[in-house]
Amino acid sequence: MYPENYKYTKEHEWILVEGDTGTIGITDHAQHELGDIVYVDLPKAGTGVEQGKALGSVESVKAVSDIYSPITGEVIESNGDLSGAPEKLNSDPHGAAWLVKVKLSNLSEIDGLMSAADYQAYLGE
């Protein structure tokens, strides 16, 4: 269920690292807990993000939840498709519904994140 090549946070974000770029999204567990997602607020390209700090938010019919950056870096792209179709986060959270791509400034931060197996153990699955 959780892609093996991703890293995960305790706040239910994932990151796929390719070279010095990280693609960030929320996990299937997160979208399930949120319920029907109706709005996504994402940073624009050029915005700095810091590990553990909010980078945007997701609004569902239940609540508004912050999205926390798994790493430090600079946003190079936001997923514009989500502004018109935020519900994609419910149907494809580990794929087409990625949130932002970030140029990483400290690759060693990745070492502190969970593997897919660690994340599933964290969830108690």
PDB file of N, CA and C in Angstrom:
ATOM      1  N   MET A   1       0.829  -1.204   0.000  1.00  0.00           N
ATOM      2  CA  MET A   1       0.000   0.000   0.000  1.00  0.00           C
ATOM      3  C   MET A   1       0.871   1.265   0.000  1.00  0.00           C
ATOM      4  N   TYR A   2       1.966   1.269   0.767  1.00  0.00           N
ATOM      5  CA  TYR A   2       2.834   2.445   0.836  1.00  0.00           C
ATOM      6  C   TYR A   2       4.097   2.173   0.013  1.00  0.00           C
ATOM      7  N   PRO A   3       4.336   2.977  -1.029  1.00  0.00           N
ATOM      8  CA  PRO A   3       5.486   2.733  -1.904  1.00  0.00           C
ATOM      9  C   PRO A   3       6.806   2.636  -1.121  1.00  0.00           C
ATOM     10  N   GLU A   4       7.578   1.598  -1.437  1.00  0.00           N
ATOM     11  CA  GLU A   4       8.829   1.309  -0.738  1.00  0.00           C
ATOM     12  C   GLU A   4       9.904   2.368  -0.977  1.00  0.00           C
ATOM     13  N   ASN A   5       9.847   3.053  -2.135  1.00  0.00           N
ATOM     14  CA  ASN A   5      10.893   4.026  -2.475  1.00  0.00           C
ATOM     15  C   ASN A   5      10.594   5.416  -1.914  1.00  0.00           C
ATOM     16  N   TYR A   6       9.506   5.573  -1.163  1.00  0.00           N
ATOM     17  CA  TYR A   6       9.177   6.838  -0.504  1.00  0.00           C
ATOM     18  C   TYR A   6       9.683   6.806   0.935  1.00  0.00           C
ATOM     19  N   LYS A   7       9.829   7.987   1.522  1.00  0.00           N
ATOM     20  CA  LYS A   7      10.102   8.129   2.955  1.00  0.00           C
ATOM     21  C   LYS A   7       8.886   8.821   3.565  1.00  0.00           C
ATOM     22  N   TYR A   8       8.664   8.593   4.863  1.00  0.00           N
ATOM     23  CA  TYR A   8       7.426   9.037   5.508  1.00  0.00           C
ATOM     24  C   TYR A   8       7.702   9.783   6.815  1.00  0.00           C
ATOM     25  N   THR A   9       6.731  10.643   7.200  1.00  0.00           N
ATOM     26  CA  THR A   9       6.832  11.382   8.462  1.00  0.00           C
ATOM     27  C   THR A   9       5.732  10.911   9.410  1.00  0.00           C
ATOM     28  N   LYS A  10       5.899  11.228  10.682  1.00  0.00           N
ATOM     29  CA  LYS A  10       4.871  10.903  11.672  1.00  0.00           C
ATOM     30  C   LYS A  10       3.629  11.765  11.491  1.00  0.00           C
ATOM     31  N   GLU A  11       3.738  12.839  10.715  1.00  0.00           N
ATOM     32  CA  GLU A  11       2.596  13.717  10.439  1.00  0.00           C
ATOM     33  C   GLU A  11       1.855  13.273   9.172  1.00  0.00           C
ATOM     34  N   HIS A  12       2.278  12.137   8.598  1.00  0.00           N
ATOM     35  CA  HIS A  12       1.594  11.496   7.461  1.00  0.00           C
ATOM     36  C   HIS A  12       1.840  12.171   6.120  1.00  0.00           C
ATOM     37  N   GLU A  13       3.062  12.696   5.941  1.00  0.00           N
ATOM     38  CA  GLU A  13       3.492  13.149   4.621  1.00  0.00           C
ATOM     39  C   GLU A  13       4.469  12.121   4.063  1.00  0.00           C
ATOM     40  N   TRP A  14       4.599  12.113   2.739  1.00  0.00           N
ATOM     41  CA  TRP A  14       5.615  11.279   2.104  1.00  0.00           C
ATOM     42  C   TRP A  14       6.493  12.162   1.226  1.00  0.00           C
ATOM     43  N   ILE A  15       7.687  11.637   0.941  1.00  0.00           N
ATOM     44  CA  ILE A  15       8.593  12.315   0.013  1.00  0.00           C
ATOM     45  C   ILE A  15       9.278  11.261  -0.847  1.00  0.00           C
ATOM     46  N   LEU A  16       9.351  11.546  -2.129  1.00  0.00           N
ATOM     47  CA  LEU A  16      10.093  10.729  -3.079  1.00  0.00           C
ATOM     48  C   LEU A  16      11.300  11.556  -3.491  1.00  0.00           C
ATOM     49  N   VAL A  17      12.491  11.069  -3.161  1.00  0.00           N
ATOM     50  CA  VAL A  17      13.718  11.801  -3.466  1.00  0.00           C
ATOM     51  C   VAL A  17      14.325  11.268  -4.756  1.00  0.00           C
ATOM     52  N   GLU A  18      14.580  12.187  -5.693  1.00  0.00           N
ATOM     53  CA  GLU A  18      15.237  11.861  -6.958  1.00  0.00           C
ATOM     54  C   GLU A  18      16.334  12.897  -7.162  1.00  0.00           C
ATOM     55  N   GLY A  19      17.585  12.492  -6.912  1.00  0.00           N
ATOM     56  CA  GLY A  19      18.703  13.423  -6.985  1.00  0.00           C
ATOM     57  C   GLY A  19      18.580  14.448  -5.878  1.00  0.00           C
ATOM     58  N   ASP A  20      18.535  15.750  -6.246  1.00  0.00           N
ATOM     59  CA  ASP A  20      18.394  16.803  -5.229  1.00  0.00           C
ATOM     60  C   ASP A  20      16.975  17.384  -5.214  1.00  0.00           C
ATOM     61  N   THR A  21      16.018  16.622  -5.777  1.00  0.00           N
ATOM     62  CA  THR A  21      14.622  17.047  -5.808  1.00  0.00           C
ATOM     63  C   THR A  21      13.769  16.076  -5.009  1.00  0.00           C
ATOM     64  N   GLY A  22      12.849  16.634  -4.233  1.00  0.00           N
ATOM     65  CA  GLY A  22      11.911  15.808  -3.479  1.00  0.00           C
ATOM     66  C   GLY A  22      10.491  16.152  -3.861  1.00  0.00           C
ATOM     67  N   THR A  23       9.699  15.121  -4.175  1.00  0.00           N
ATOM     68  CA  THR A  23       8.272  15.301  -4.432  1.00  0.00           C
ATOM     69  C   THR A  23       7.552  14.939  -3.143  1.00  0.00           C
ATOM     70  N   ILE A  24       6.669  15.832  -2.669  1.00  0.00           N
ATOM     71  CA  ILE A  24       6.007  15.682  -1.376  1.00  0.00           C
ATOM     72  C   ILE A  24       4.505  15.512  -1.564  1.00  0.00           C
ATOM     73  N   GLY A  25       3.920  14.651  -0.741  1.00  0.00           N
ATOM     74  CA  GLY A  25       2.473  14.463  -0.754  1.00  0.00           C
ATOM     75  C   GLY A  25       2.004  14.014   0.620  1.00  0.00           C
ATOM     76  N   ILE A  26       0.705  13.724   0.714  1.00  0.00           N
ATOM     77  CA  ILE A  26       0.170  13.165   1.958  1.00  0.00           C
ATOM     78  C   ILE A  26      -0.128  11.688   1.727  1.00  0.00           C
ATOM     79  N   THR A  27      -0.095  10.927   2.798  1.00  0.00           N
ATOM     80  CA  THR A  27      -0.272   9.481   2.685  1.00  0.00           C
ATOM     81  C   THR A  27      -1.745   9.097   2.542  1.00  0.00           C
ATOM     82  N   ASP A  28      -1.951   7.855   2.131  1.00  0.00           N
ATOM     83  CA  ASP A  28      -3.297   7.306   2.042  1.00  0.00           C
ATOM     84  C   ASP A  28      -3.974   7.366   3.410  1.00  0.00           C
ATOM     85  N   HIS A  29      -3.216   7.094   4.464  1.00  0.00           N
ATOM     86  CA  HIS A  29      -3.765   7.172   5.826  1.00  0.00           C
ATOM     87  C   HIS A  29      -4.283   8.589   6.104  1.00  0.00           C
ATOM     88  N   ALA A  30      -3.503   9.604   5.716  1.00  0.00           N
ATOM     89  CA  ALA A  30      -3.896  10.998   5.959  1.00  0.00           C
ATOM     90  C   ALA A  30      -5.181  11.344   5.221  1.00  0.00           C
ATOM     91  N   GLN A  31      -5.258  10.983   3.938  1.00  0.00           N
ATOM     92  CA  GLN A  31      -6.466  11.343   3.173  1.00  0.00           C
ATOM     93  C   GLN A  31      -7.678  10.615   3.729  1.00  0.00           C
ATOM     94  N   HIS A  32      -7.482   9.381   4.208  1.00  0.00           N
ATOM     95  CA  HIS A  32      -8.584   8.610   4.787  1.00  0.00           C
ATOM     96  C   HIS A  32      -9.098   9.267   6.069  1.00  0.00           C
ATOM     97  N   GLU A  33      -8.154   9.729   6.905  1.00  0.00           N
ATOM     98  CA  GLU A  33      -8.529  10.401   8.153  1.00  0.00           C
ATOM     99  C   GLU A  33      -9.229  11.734   7.889  1.00  0.00           C
ATOM    100  N   LEU A  34      -8.800  12.443   6.843  1.00  0.00           N
ATOM    101  CA  LEU A  34      -9.381  13.745   6.523  1.00  0.00           C
ATOM    102  C   LEU A  34     -10.801  13.635   5.971  1.00  0.00           C
ATOM    103  N   GLY A  35     -11.064  12.595   5.216  1.00  0.00           N
ATOM    104  CA  GLY A  35     -12.357  12.495   4.542  1.00  0.00           C
ATOM    105  C   GLY A  35     -12.311  13.237   3.211  1.00  0.00           C
ATOM    106  N   ASP A  36     -13.455  13.651   2.720  1.00  0.00           N
ATOM    107  CA  ASP A  36     -13.539  14.285   1.406  1.00  0.00           C
ATOM    108  C   ASP A  36     -12.815  15.629   1.395  1.00  0.00           C
ATOM    109  N   ILE A  37     -11.760  15.698   0.573  1.00  0.00           N
ATOM    110  CA  ILE A  37     -10.940  16.913   0.489  1.00  0.00           C
ATOM    111  C   ILE A  37     -11.569  17.878  -0.514  1.00  0.00           C
ATOM    112  N   VAL A  38     -11.735  19.146  -0.067  1.00  0.00           N
ATOM    113  CA  VAL A  38     -12.432  20.138  -0.888  1.00  0.00           C
ATOM    114  C   VAL A  38     -11.550  21.319  -1.302  1.00  0.00           C
ATOM    115  N   TYR A  39     -10.375  21.473  -0.678  1.00  0.00           N
ATOM    116  CA  TYR A  39      -9.512  22.611  -1.007  1.00  0.00           C
ATOM    117  C   TYR A  39      -8.081  22.300  -0.574  1.00  0.00           C
ATOM    118  N   VAL A  40      -7.127  22.755  -1.387  1.00  0.00           N
ATOM    119  CA  VAL A  40      -5.704  22.585  -1.069  1.00  0.00           C
ATOM    120  C   VAL A  40      -5.018  23.937  -1.223  1.00  0.00           C
ATOM    121  N   ASP A  41      -4.249  24.350  -0.216  1.00  0.00           N
ATOM    122  CA  ASP A  41      -3.497  25.599  -0.257  1.00  0.00           C
ATOM    123  C   ASP A  41      -2.013  25.241  -0.295  1.00  0.00           C
ATOM    124  N   LEU A  42      -1.367  25.540  -1.431  1.00  0.00           N
ATOM    125  CA  LEU A  42       0.037  25.169  -1.623  1.00  0.00           C
ATOM    126  C   LEU A  42       0.901  26.403  -1.867  1.00  0.00           C
ATOM    127  N   PRO A  43       2.189  26.317  -1.489  1.00  0.00           N
ATOM    128  CA  PRO A  43       3.094  27.448  -1.723  1.00  0.00           C
ATOM    129  C   PRO A  43       3.460  27.574  -3.203  1.00  0.00           C
ATOM    130  N   LYS A  44       3.830  28.775  -3.595  1.00  0.00           N
ATOM    131  CA  LYS A  44       4.256  29.036  -4.969  1.00  0.00           C
ATOM    132  C   LYS A  44       5.740  28.686  -5.133  1.00  0.00           C
ATOM    133  N   ALA A  45       6.144  28.485  -6.375  1.00  0.00           N
ATOM    134  CA  ALA A  45       7.550  28.237  -6.688  1.00  0.00           C
ATOM    135  C   ALA A  45       8.388  29.384  -6.131  1.00  0.00           C
ATOM    136  N   GLY A  46       9.542  29.044  -5.570  1.00  0.00           N
ATOM    137  CA  GLY A  46      10.431  30.043  -4.998  1.00  0.00           C
ATOM    138  C   GLY A  46      10.272  30.191  -3.495  1.00  0.00           C
ATOM    139  N   THR A  47       9.204  29.588  -2.940  1.00  0.00           N
ATOM    140  CA  THR A  47       8.969  29.653  -1.496  1.00  0.00           C
ATOM    141  C   THR A  47       9.904  28.689  -0.771  1.00  0.00           C
ATOM    142  N   GLY A  48      10.536  29.160   0.295  1.00  0.00           N
ATOM    143  CA  GLY A  48      11.371  28.281   1.113  1.00  0.00           C
ATOM    144  C   GLY A  48      10.502  27.469   2.064  1.00  0.00           C
ATOM    145  N   VAL A  49      10.870  26.206   2.263  1.00  0.00           N
ATOM    146  CA  VAL A  49      10.187  25.353   3.239  1.00  0.00           C
ATOM    147  C   VAL A  49      11.229  24.808   4.204  1.00  0.00           C
ATOM    148  N   GLU A  50      10.779  24.544   5.419  1.00  0.00           N
ATOM    149  CA  GLU A  50      11.689  24.070   6.458  1.00  0.00           C
ATOM    150  C   GLU A  50      11.153  22.773   7.045  1.00  0.00           C
ATOM    151  N   GLN A  51      12.065  21.834   7.270  1.00  0.00           N
ATOM    152  CA  GLN A  51      11.656  20.544   7.815  1.00  0.00           C
ATOM    153  C   GLN A  51      10.846  20.742   9.096  1.00  0.00           C
ATOM    154  N   GLY A  52       9.677  20.070   9.149  1.00  0.00           N
ATOM    155  CA  GLY A  52       8.829  20.114  10.330  1.00  0.00           C
ATOM    156  C   GLY A  52       7.913  21.319  10.427  1.00  0.00           C
ATOM    157  N   LYS A  53       8.042  22.266   9.492  1.00  0.00           N
ATOM    158  CA  LYS A  53       7.199  23.466   9.496  1.00  0.00           C
ATOM    159  C   LYS A  53       6.104  23.337   8.432  1.00  0.00           C
ATOM    160  N   ALA A  54       4.979  24.011   8.662  1.00  0.00           N
ATOM    161  CA  ALA A  54       3.863  23.960   7.714  1.00  0.00           C
ATOM    162  C   ALA A  54       4.278  24.530   6.363  1.00  0.00           C
ATOM    163  N   LEU A  55       3.888  23.827   5.290  1.00  0.00           N
ATOM    164  CA  LEU A  55       4.160  24.341   3.942  1.00  0.00           C
ATOM    165  C   LEU A  55       2.864  24.671   3.221  1.00  0.00           C
ATOM    166  N   GLY A  56       1.748  24.247   3.756  1.00  0.00           N
ATOM    167  CA  GLY A  56       0.448  24.506   3.152  1.00  0.00           C
ATOM    168  C   GLY A  56      -0.618  23.847   3.993  1.00  0.00           C
ATOM    169  N   SER A  57      -1.822  23.745   3.427  1.00  0.00           N
ATOM    170  CA  SER A  57      -2.902  23.107   4.171  1.00  0.00           C
ATOM    171  C   SER A  57      -3.864  22.402   3.224  1.00  0.00           C
ATOM    172  N   VAL A  58      -4.604  21.467   3.811  1.00  0.00           N
ATOM    173  CA  VAL A  58      -5.627  20.718   3.104  1.00  0.00           C
ATOM    174  C   VAL A  58      -6.923  20.901   3.876  1.00  0.00           C
ATOM    175  N   GLU A  59      -7.985  21.234   3.162  1.00  0.00           N
ATOM    176  CA  GLU A  59      -9.275  21.405   3.812  1.00  0.00           C
ATOM    177  C   GLU A  59     -10.205  20.280   3.366  1.00  0.00           C
ATOM    178  N   SER A  60     -10.811  19.629   4.353  1.00  0.00           N
ATOM    179  CA  SER A  60     -11.790  18.586   4.052  1.00  0.00           C
ATOM    180  C   SER A  60     -13.132  19.014   4.614  1.00  0.00           C
ATOM    181  N   VAL A  61     -14.131  18.185   4.410  1.00  0.00           N
ATOM    182  CA  VAL A  61     -15.444  18.502   4.966  1.00  0.00           C
ATOM    183  C   VAL A  61     -15.406  18.461   6.492  1.00  0.00           C
ATOM    184  N   LYS A  62     -14.384  17.809   7.065  1.00  0.00           N
ATOM    185  CA  LYS A  62     -14.246  17.695   8.522  1.00  0.00           C
ATOM    186  C   LYS A  62     -13.443  18.830   9.149  1.00  0.00           C
ATOM    187  N   ALA A  63     -12.318  19.219   8.526  1.00  0.00           N
ATOM    188  CA  ALA A  63     -11.392  20.153   9.168  1.00  0.00           C
ATOM    189  C   ALA A  63     -10.364  20.686   8.174  1.00  0.00           C
ATOM    190  N   VAL A  64      -9.597  21.680   8.621  1.00  0.00           N
ATOM    191  CA  VAL A  64      -8.436  22.160   7.877  1.00  0.00           C
ATOM    192  C   VAL A  64      -7.207  21.619   8.594  1.00  0.00           C
ATOM    193  N   SER A  65      -6.308  20.993   7.832  1.00  0.00           N
ATOM    194  CA  SER A  65      -5.107  20.413   8.417  1.00  0.00           C
ATOM    195  C   SER A  65      -3.871  20.964   7.735  1.00  0.00           C
ATOM    196  N   ASP A  66      -2.865  21.313   8.541  1.00  0.00           N
ATOM    197  CA  ASP A  66      -1.591  21.756   7.982  1.00  0.00           C
ATOM    198  C   ASP A  66      -0.857  20.580   7.371  1.00  0.00           C
ATOM    199  N   ILE A  67      -0.073  20.882   6.341  1.00  0.00           N
ATOM    200  CA  ILE A  67       0.835  19.911   5.737  1.00  0.00           C
ATOM    201  C   ILE A  67       2.230  20.350   6.150  1.00  0.00           C
ATOM    202  N   TYR A  68       3.000  19.427   6.714  1.00  0.00           N
ATOM    203  CA  TYR A  68       4.337  19.756   7.197  1.00  0.00           C
ATOM    204  C   TYR A  68       5.390  19.230   6.240  1.00  0.00           C
ATOM    205  N   SER A  69       6.403  20.043   6.013  1.00  0.00           N
ATOM    206  CA  SER A  69       7.470  19.652   5.093  1.00  0.00           C
ATOM    207  C   SER A  69       8.371  18.598   5.722  1.00  0.00           C
ATOM    208  N   PRO A  70       8.598  17.491   5.016  1.00  0.00           N
ATOM    209  CA  PRO A  70       9.510  16.469   5.539  1.00  0.00           C
ATOM    210  C   PRO A  70      10.984  16.898   5.461  1.00  0.00           C
ATOM    211  N   ILE A  71      11.261  17.934   4.670  1.00  0.00           N
ATOM    212  CA  ILE A  71      12.646  18.372   4.449  1.00  0.00           C
ATOM    213  C   ILE A  71      12.716  19.890   4.271  1.00  0.00           C
ATOM    214  N   THR A  72      13.942  20.396   4.269  1.00  0.00           N
ATOM    215  CA  THR A  72      14.196  21.812   4.042  1.00  0.00           C
ATOM    216  C   THR A  72      14.605  22.013   2.580  1.00  0.00           C
ATOM    217  N   GLY A  73      14.104  23.082   1.983  1.00  0.00           N
ATOM    218  CA  GLY A  73      14.475  23.372   0.604  1.00  0.00           C
ATOM    219  C   GLY A  73      13.642  24.495   0.033  1.00  0.00           C
ATOM    220  N   GLU A  74      13.593  24.553  -1.300  1.00  0.00           N
ATOM    221  CA  GLU A  74      12.843  25.598  -2.006  1.00  0.00           C
ATOM    222  C   GLU A  74      11.867  24.957  -2.973  1.00  0.00           C
ATOM    223  N   VAL A  75      10.621  25.403  -2.913  1.00  0.00           N
ATOM    224  CA  VAL A  75       9.590  24.878  -3.811  1.00  0.00           C
ATOM    225  C   VAL A  75       9.951  25.254  -5.251  1.00  0.00           C
ATOM    226  N   ILE A  76       9.981  24.229  -6.128  1.00  0.00           N
ATOM    227  CA  ILE A  76      10.238  24.500  -7.541  1.00  0.00           C
ATOM    228  C   ILE A  76       8.978  24.309  -8.382  1.00  0.00           C
ATOM    229  N   GLU A  77       7.975  23.616  -7.814  1.00  0.00           N
ATOM    230  CA  GLU A  77       6.715  23.416  -8.540  1.00  0.00           C
ATOM    231  C   GLU A  77       5.630  22.999  -7.554  1.00  0.00           C
ATOM    232  N   SER A  78       4.428  23.530  -7.748  1.00  0.00           N
ATOM    233  CA  SER A  78       3.244  23.092  -7.011  1.00  0.00           C
ATOM    234  C   SER A  78       2.329  22.382  -7.997  1.00  0.00           C
ATOM    235  N   ASN A  79       1.566  21.429  -7.517  1.00  0.00           N
ATOM    236  CA  ASN A  79       0.665  20.665  -8.378  1.00  0.00           C
ATOM    237  C   ASN A  79      -0.596  21.481  -8.653  1.00  0.00           C
ATOM    238  N   GLY A  80      -0.582  22.207  -9.756  1.00  0.00           N
ATOM    239  CA  GLY A  80      -1.695  23.069 -10.129  1.00  0.00           C
ATOM    240  C   GLY A  80      -2.998  22.319 -10.380  1.00  0.00           C
ATOM    241  N   ASP A  81      -2.921  21.032 -10.720  1.00  0.00           N
ATOM    242  CA  ASP A  81      -4.123  20.239 -10.969  1.00  0.00           C
ATOM    243  C   ASP A  81      -5.017  20.172  -9.736  1.00  0.00           C
ATOM    244  N   LEU A  82      -4.401  20.280  -8.545  1.00  0.00           N
ATOM    245  CA  LEU A  82      -5.181  20.128  -7.318  1.00  0.00           C
ATOM    246  C   LEU A  82      -6.070  21.329  -7.020  1.00  0.00           C
ATOM    247  N   SER A  83      -5.754  22.498  -7.584  1.00  0.00           N
ATOM    248  CA  SER A  83      -6.597  23.672  -7.306  1.00  0.00           C
ATOM    249  C   SER A  83      -7.989  23.475  -7.897  1.00  0.00           C
ATOM    250  N   GLY A  84      -8.080  22.819  -9.037  1.00  0.00           N
ATOM    251  CA  GLY A  84      -9.372  22.570  -9.663  1.00  0.00           C
ATOM    252  C   GLY A  84      -9.974  21.226  -9.311  1.00  0.00           C
ATOM    253  N   ALA A  85      -9.145  20.324  -8.767  1.00  0.00           N
ATOM    254  CA  ALA A  85      -9.616  18.970  -8.465  1.00  0.00           C
ATOM    255  C   ALA A  85      -8.957  18.443  -7.182  1.00  0.00           C
ATOM    256  N   PRO A  86      -9.224  19.100  -6.034  1.00  0.00           N
ATOM    257  CA  PRO A  86      -8.582  18.673  -4.784  1.00  0.00           C
ATOM    258  C   PRO A  86      -8.952  17.247  -4.372  1.00  0.00           C
ATOM    259  N   GLU A  87     -10.081  16.758  -4.880  1.00  0.00           N
ATOM    260  CA  GLU A  87     -10.515  15.397  -4.541  1.00  0.00           C
ATOM    261  C   GLU A  87      -9.563  14.319  -5.056  1.00  0.00           C
ATOM    262  N   LYS A  88      -8.636  14.697  -5.974  1.00  0.00           N
ATOM    263  CA  LYS A  88      -7.618  13.741  -6.430  1.00  0.00           C
ATOM    264  C   LYS A  88      -6.800  13.214  -5.250  1.00  0.00           C
ATOM    265  N   LEU A  89      -6.679  14.037  -4.198  1.00  0.00           N
ATOM    266  CA  LEU A  89      -5.947  13.594  -3.013  1.00  0.00           C
ATOM    267  C   LEU A  89      -6.610  12.383  -2.372  1.00  0.00           C
ATOM    268  N   ASN A  90      -7.918  12.256  -2.500  1.00  0.00           N
ATOM    269  CA  ASN A  90      -8.614  11.100  -1.953  1.00  0.00           C
ATOM    270  C   ASN A  90      -8.432   9.862  -2.821  1.00  0.00           C
ATOM    271  N   SER A  91      -8.323  10.050  -4.127  1.00  0.00           N
ATOM    272  CA  SER A  91      -8.270   8.893  -5.022  1.00  0.00           C
ATOM    273  C   SER A  91      -6.851   8.433  -5.371  1.00  0.00           C
ATOM    274  N   ASP A  92      -5.868   9.333  -5.340  1.00  0.00           N
ATOM    275  CA  ASP A  92      -4.510   8.948  -5.745  1.00  0.00           C
ATOM    276  C   ASP A  92      -3.450   9.704  -4.939  1.00  0.00           C
ATOM    277  N   PRO A  93      -3.462   9.542  -3.597  1.00  0.00           N
ATOM    278  CA  PRO A  93      -2.560  10.341  -2.768  1.00  0.00           C
ATOM    279  C   PRO A  93      -1.076  10.050  -2.977  1.00  0.00           C
ATOM    280  N   HIS A  94      -0.729   8.848  -3.454  1.00  0.00           N
ATOM    281  CA  HIS A  94       0.682   8.498  -3.645  1.00  0.00           C
ATOM    282  C   HIS A  94       1.131   8.653  -5.095  1.00  0.00           C
ATOM    283  N   GLY A  95       0.269   9.214  -5.931  1.00  0.00           N
ATOM    284  CA  GLY A  95       0.596   9.331  -7.350  1.00  0.00           C
ATOM    285  C   GLY A  95       0.333  10.709  -7.903  1.00  0.00           C
ATOM    286  N   ALA A  96      -0.736  10.831  -8.709  1.00  0.00           N
ATOM    287  CA  ALA A  96      -1.052  12.072  -9.419  1.00  0.00           C
ATOM    288  C   ALA A  96      -1.335  13.242  -8.474  1.00  0.00           C
ATOM    289  N   ALA A  97      -1.675  12.951  -7.216  1.00  0.00           N
ATOM    290  CA  ALA A  97      -2.025  14.024  -6.277  1.00  0.00           C
ATOM    291  C   ALA A  97      -0.856  14.443  -5.391  1.00  0.00           C
ATOM    292  N   TRP A  98       0.366  14.410  -5.946  1.00  0.00           N
ATOM    293  CA  TRP A  98       1.497  14.990  -5.209  1.00  0.00           C
ATOM    294  C   TRP A  98       1.213  16.470  -4.985  1.00  0.00           C
ATOM    295  N   LEU A  99       1.860  17.051  -3.991  1.00  0.00           N
ATOM    296  CA  LEU A  99       1.581  18.446  -3.638  1.00  0.00           C
ATOM    297  C   LEU A  99       2.603  19.413  -4.210  1.00  0.00           C
ATOM    298  N   VAL A 100       3.869  19.230  -3.847  1.00  0.00           N
ATOM    299  CA  VAL A 100       4.926  20.132  -4.311  1.00  0.00           C
ATOM    300  C   VAL A 100       6.197  19.355  -4.623  1.00  0.00           C
ATOM    301  N   LYS A 101       7.022  19.963  -5.474  1.00  0.00           N
ATOM    302  CA  LYS A 101       8.382  19.467  -5.716  1.00  0.00           C
ATOM    303  C   LYS A 101       9.324  20.502  -5.124  1.00  0.00           C
ATOM    304  N   VAL A 102      10.327  20.013  -4.399  1.00  0.00           N
ATOM    305  CA  VAL A 102      11.234  20.881  -3.654  1.00  0.00           C
ATOM    306  C   VAL A 102      12.677  20.564  -4.020  1.00  0.00           C
ATOM    307  N   LYS A 103      13.482  21.618  -4.252  1.00  0.00           N
ATOM    308  CA  LYS A 103      14.930  21.441  -4.401  1.00  0.00           C
ATOM    309  C   LYS A 103      15.480  21.328  -2.983  1.00  0.00           C
ATOM    310  N   LEU A 104      16.075  20.185  -2.677  1.00  0.00           N
ATOM    311  CA  LEU A 104      16.532  19.887  -1.321  1.00  0.00           C
ATOM    312  C   LEU A 104      17.798  20.648  -0.978  1.00  0.00           C
ATOM    313  N   SER A 105      17.854  21.172   0.239  1.00  0.00           N
ATOM    314  CA  SER A 105      19.061  21.885   0.651  1.00  0.00           C
ATOM    315  C   SER A 105      19.881  21.100   1.667  1.00  0.00           C
ATOM    316  N   ASN A 106      19.313  20.021   2.224  1.00  0.00           N
ATOM    317  CA  ASN A 106      20.047  19.227   3.211  1.00  0.00           C
ATOM    318  C   ASN A 106      19.634  17.768   3.091  1.00  0.00           C
ATOM    319  N   LEU A 107      20.330  17.030   2.213  1.00  0.00           N
ATOM    320  CA  LEU A 107      19.977  15.633   1.943  1.00  0.00           C
ATOM    321  C   LEU A 107      20.042  14.746   3.182  1.00  0.00           C
ATOM    322  N   SER A 108      20.848  15.124   4.188  1.00  0.00           N
ATOM    323  CA  SER A 108      20.974  14.284   5.383  1.00  0.00           C
ATOM    324  C   SER A 108      19.668  14.226   6.176  1.00  0.00           C
ATOM    325  N   GLU A 109      18.757  15.191   5.963  1.00  0.00           N
ATOM    326  CA  GLU A 109      17.463  15.171   6.660  1.00  0.00           C
ATOM    327  C   GLU A 109      16.653  13.922   6.294  1.00  0.00           C
ATOM    328  N   ILE A 110      16.887  13.388   5.114  1.00  0.00           N
ATOM    329  CA  ILE A 110      16.157  12.201   4.649  1.00  0.00           C
ATOM    330  C   ILE A 110      16.399  11.023   5.598  1.00  0.00           C
ATOM    331  N   ASP A 111      17.605  10.950   6.167  1.00  0.00           N
ATOM    332  CA  ASP A 111      17.965   9.827   7.054  1.00  0.00           C
ATOM    333  C   ASP A 111      17.062   9.732   8.279  1.00  0.00           C
ATOM    334  N   GLY A 112      16.454  10.840   8.687  1.00  0.00           N
ATOM    335  CA  GLY A 112      15.607  10.843   9.863  1.00  0.00           C
ATOM    336  C   GLY A 112      14.159  10.450   9.593  1.00  0.00           C
ATOM    337  N   LEU A 113      13.820  10.180   8.327  1.00  0.00           N
ATOM    338  CA  LEU A 113      12.447   9.831   7.968  1.00  0.00           C
ATOM    339  C   LEU A 113      12.247   8.319   7.997  1.00  0.00           C
ATOM    340  N   MET A 114      10.991   7.898   8.026  1.00  0.00           N
ATOM    341  CA  MET A 114      10.661   6.478   8.113  1.00  0.00           C
ATOM    342  C   MET A 114      10.593   5.809   6.747  1.00  0.00           C
ATOM    343  N   SER A 115      10.971   4.534   6.708  1.00  0.00           N
ATOM    344  CA  SER A 115      10.770   3.715   5.519  1.00  0.00           C
ATOM    345  C   SER A 115       9.284   3.330   5.465  1.00  0.00           C
ATOM    346  N   ALA A 116       8.865   2.718   4.374  1.00  0.00           N
ATOM    347  CA  ALA A 116       7.472   2.270   4.251  1.00  0.00           C
ATOM    348  C   ALA A 116       7.136   1.278   5.365  1.00  0.00           C
ATOM    349  N   ALA A 117       8.051   0.342   5.642  1.00  0.00           N
ATOM    350  CA  ALA A 117       7.816  -0.654   6.700  1.00  0.00           C
ATOM    351  C   ALA A 117       7.716   0.021   8.065  1.00  0.00           C
ATOM    352  N   ASP A 118       8.601   0.986   8.323  1.00  0.00           N
ATOM    353  CA  ASP A 118       8.564   1.720   9.598  1.00  0.00           C
ATOM    354  C   ASP A 118       7.251   2.492   9.729  1.00  0.00           C
ATOM    355  N   TYR A 119       6.805   3.104   8.623  1.00  0.00           N
ATOM    356  CA  TYR A 119       5.575   3.898   8.660  1.00  0.00           C
ATOM    357  C   TYR A 119       4.368   2.995   8.952  1.00  0.00           C
ATOM    358  N   GLN A 120       4.326   1.853   8.282  1.00  0.00           N
ATOM    359  CA  GLN A 120       3.212   0.932   8.510  1.00  0.00           C
ATOM    360  C   GLN A 120       3.220   0.410   9.956  1.00  0.00           C
ATOM    361  N   ALA A 121       4.404   0.177  10.504  1.00  0.00           N
ATOM    362  CA  ALA A 121       4.506  -0.236  11.921  1.00  0.00           C
ATOM    363  C   ALA A 121       4.036   0.898  12.820  1.00  0.00           C
ATOM    364  N   TYR A 122       4.406   2.141  12.462  1.00  0.00           N
ATOM    365  CA  TYR A 122       3.976   3.323  13.216  1.00  0.00           C
ATOM    366  C   TYR A 122       2.447   3.423  13.250  1.00  0.00           C
ATOM    367  N   LEU A 123       1.814   3.098  12.119  1.00  0.00           N
ATOM    368  CA  LEU A 123       0.354   3.146  12.035  1.00  0.00           C
ATOM    369  C   LEU A 123      -0.288   1.963  12.758  1.00  0.00           C
ATOM    370  N   GLY A 124       0.523   0.944  13.043  1.00  0.00           N
ATOM    371  CA  GLY A 124      -0.005  -0.246  13.684  1.00  0.00           C
ATOM    372  C   GLY A 124      -0.661  -1.201  12.710  1.00  0.00           C
ATOM    373  N   GLU A 125      -0.242  -1.099  11.442  1.00  0.00           N
ATOM    374  CA  GLU A 125      -0.831  -1.988  10.404  1.00  0.00           C
ATOM    375  C   GLU A 125      -0.041  -3.277  10.295  1.00  0.00           C
TER     376      GLU A 125
END
